[in-house]
Amino acid sequence: MLPIILSIVLIITLIFSIFVVVEKRKKAGVTGLKSALTSICFFLIAIINLLAYWFNFLGLVVWFINFILLILGAYFTKYMQISEK
């Protein structure tokens, strides 16, 4: 029962956080794909981990994909715009 509840909470918070990121980007007037790749990589990490948990595919491949996405997310932070506040 607990894994089902935790999966539902993760899905709800993931959807909510995607909407928040999209709205903040619109509000700030940020456009372009390169500046969004950091957020996309981090969202993909959450989605891949959830799918791996559901389908019992926890292993070296998932760790490797997470590592690559984490490195890519860190790399693409250089394209993010700096706030003027």
C-alpha atoms as a PDB file:
ATOM      1  CA  MET A   1       0.000   0.000   0.000  1.00  0.00           C
ATOM      2  CA  LEU A   2       2.809   2.415   0.869  1.00  0.00           C
ATOM      3  CA  PRO A   3       4.591   2.081  -2.526  1.00  0.00           C
ATOM      4  CA  ILE A   4       1.343   2.940  -4.315  1.00  0.00           C
ATOM      5  CA  ILE A   5       0.830   6.041  -2.175  1.00  0.00           C
ATOM      6  CA  LEU A   6       4.437   7.138  -2.674  1.00  0.00           C
ATOM      7  CA  SER A   7       4.153   6.647  -6.443  1.00  0.00           C
ATOM      8  CA  ILE A   8       0.997   8.746  -6.561  1.00  0.00           C
ATOM      9  CA  VAL A   9       2.627  11.489  -4.483  1.00  0.00           C
ATOM     10  CA  LEU A  10       5.674  11.470  -6.789  1.00  0.00           C
ATOM     11  CA  ILE A  11       3.522  11.732  -9.908  1.00  0.00           C
ATOM     12  CA  ILE A  12       1.466  14.593  -8.456  1.00  0.00           C
ATOM     13  CA  THR A  13       4.518  16.546  -7.329  1.00  0.00           C
ATOM     14  CA  LEU A  14       6.283  15.909 -10.639  1.00  0.00           C
ATOM     15  CA  ILE A  15       3.348  17.251 -12.643  1.00  0.00           C
ATOM     16  CA  PHE A  16       3.024  20.225 -10.288  1.00  0.00           C
ATOM     17  CA  SER A  17       6.729  21.034 -10.517  1.00  0.00           C
ATOM     18  CA  ILE A  18       6.669  20.856 -14.332  1.00  0.00           C
ATOM     19  CA  PHE A  19       3.824  23.377 -14.405  1.00  0.00           C
ATOM     20  CA  VAL A  20       5.671  25.634 -11.955  1.00  0.00           C
ATOM     21  CA  VAL A  21       8.852  25.583 -14.056  1.00  0.00           C
ATOM     22  CA  VAL A  22       6.923  26.323 -17.264  1.00  0.00           C
ATOM     23  CA  GLU A  23       5.026  29.214 -15.650  1.00  0.00           C
ATOM     24  CA  LYS A  24       8.194  30.717 -14.135  1.00  0.00           C
ATOM     25  CA  ARG A  25       9.922  30.546 -17.508  1.00  0.00           C
ATOM     26  CA  LYS A  26       6.964  32.274 -19.180  1.00  0.00           C
ATOM     27  CA  LYS A  27       6.819  34.916 -16.456  1.00  0.00           C
ATOM     28  CA  ALA A  28      10.557  35.608 -16.756  1.00  0.00           C
ATOM     29  CA  GLY A  29      10.369  35.664 -20.559  1.00  0.00           C
ATOM     30  CA  VAL A  30      12.933  32.898 -20.935  1.00  0.00           C
ATOM     31  CA  THR A  31      12.788  31.103 -24.255  1.00  0.00           C
ATOM     32  CA  GLY A  32      14.889  28.496 -25.960  1.00  0.00           C
ATOM     33  CA  LEU A  33      15.536  24.832 -25.459  1.00  0.00           C
ATOM     34  CA  LYS A  34      19.104  25.016 -24.160  1.00  0.00           C
ATOM     35  CA  SER A  35      18.099  26.910 -21.027  1.00  0.00           C
ATOM     36  CA  ALA A  36      15.393  24.330 -20.296  1.00  0.00           C
ATOM     37  CA  LEU A  37      17.608  21.257 -20.670  1.00  0.00           C
ATOM     38  CA  THR A  38      18.723  21.274 -17.024  1.00  0.00           C
ATOM     39  CA  SER A  39      15.142  21.015 -15.802  1.00  0.00           C
ATOM     40  CA  ILE A  40      14.294  18.443 -18.462  1.00  0.00           C
ATOM     41  CA  CYS A  41      17.226  16.237 -17.405  1.00  0.00           C
ATOM     42  CA  PHE A  42      16.212  16.380 -13.750  1.00  0.00           C
ATOM     43  CA  PHE A  43      12.580  15.587 -14.579  1.00  0.00           C
ATOM     44  CA  LEU A  44      13.742  12.643 -16.697  1.00  0.00           C
ATOM     45  CA  ILE A  45      15.722  11.309 -13.739  1.00  0.00           C
ATOM     46  CA  ALA A  46      12.544  11.227 -11.652  1.00  0.00           C
ATOM     47  CA  ILE A  47      10.512   9.619 -14.451  1.00  0.00           C
ATOM     48  CA  ILE A  48      13.139   6.948 -15.176  1.00  0.00           C
ATOM     49  CA  ASN A  49      13.450   6.063 -11.495  1.00  0.00           C
ATOM     50  CA  LEU A  50       9.682   5.755 -11.154  1.00  0.00           C
ATOM     51  CA  LEU A  51       9.444   3.530 -14.237  1.00  0.00           C
ATOM     52  CA  ALA A  52      12.362   1.430 -13.043  1.00  0.00           C
ATOM     53  CA  TYR A  53      10.655   0.947  -9.696  1.00  0.00           C
ATOM     54  CA  TRP A  54       7.329   0.001 -11.292  1.00  0.00           C
ATOM     55  CA  PHE A  55       8.861  -2.527 -13.697  1.00  0.00           C
ATOM     56  CA  ASN A  56      11.499  -3.889 -11.271  1.00  0.00           C
ATOM     57  CA  PHE A  57      14.330  -2.716 -13.496  1.00  0.00           C
ATOM     58  CA  LEU A  58      16.620  -1.392 -10.790  1.00  0.00           C
ATOM     59  CA  GLY A  59      20.187  -1.983 -11.763  1.00  0.00           C
ATOM     60  CA  LEU A  60      23.351  -0.769 -13.350  1.00  0.00           C
ATOM     61  CA  VAL A  61      21.643   0.520 -16.501  1.00  0.00           C
ATOM     62  CA  VAL A  62      19.334   2.808 -14.528  1.00  0.00           C
ATOM     63  CA  TRP A  63      22.262   4.062 -12.444  1.00  0.00           C
ATOM     64  CA  PHE A  64      24.227   4.792 -15.611  1.00  0.00           C
ATOM     65  CA  ILE A  65      21.306   6.661 -17.215  1.00  0.00           C
ATOM     66  CA  ASN A  66      20.822   8.685 -14.018  1.00  0.00           C
ATOM     67  CA  PHE A  67      24.531   9.520 -13.923  1.00  0.00           C
ATOM     68  CA  ILE A  68      24.545  10.660 -17.554  1.00  0.00           C
ATOM     69  CA  LEU A  69      21.412  12.777 -17.063  1.00  0.00           C
ATOM     70  CA  LEU A  70      22.887  14.339 -13.921  1.00  0.00           C
ATOM     71  CA  ILE A  71      26.097  15.239 -15.770  1.00  0.00           C
ATOM     72  CA  LEU A  72      24.110  16.634 -18.707  1.00  0.00           C
ATOM     73  CA  GLY A  73      21.913  18.663 -16.346  1.00  0.00           C
ATOM     74  CA  ALA A  74      24.995  20.120 -14.694  1.00  0.00           C
ATOM     75  CA  TYR A  75      26.572  20.873 -18.072  1.00  0.00           C
ATOM     76  CA  PHE A  76      23.555  22.747 -19.400  1.00  0.00           C
ATOM     77  CA  THR A  77      23.393  25.059 -16.378  1.00  0.00           C
ATOM     78  CA  LYS A  78      25.810  27.317 -18.245  1.00  0.00           C
ATOM     79  CA  TYR A  79      22.981  28.184 -20.654  1.00  0.00           C
ATOM     80  CA  MET A  80      20.616  29.292 -17.894  1.00  0.00           C
ATOM     81  CA  GLN A  81      20.053  33.031 -17.646  1.00  0.00           C
ATOM     82  CA  ILE A  82      21.228  34.836 -14.536  1.00  0.00           C
ATOM     83  CA  SER A  83      18.572  36.691 -12.555  1.00  0.00           C
ATOM     84  CA  GLU A  84      19.063  40.420 -12.175  1.00  0.00           C
ATOM     85  CA  LYS A  85      17.660  40.610  -8.636  1.00  0.00           C
END
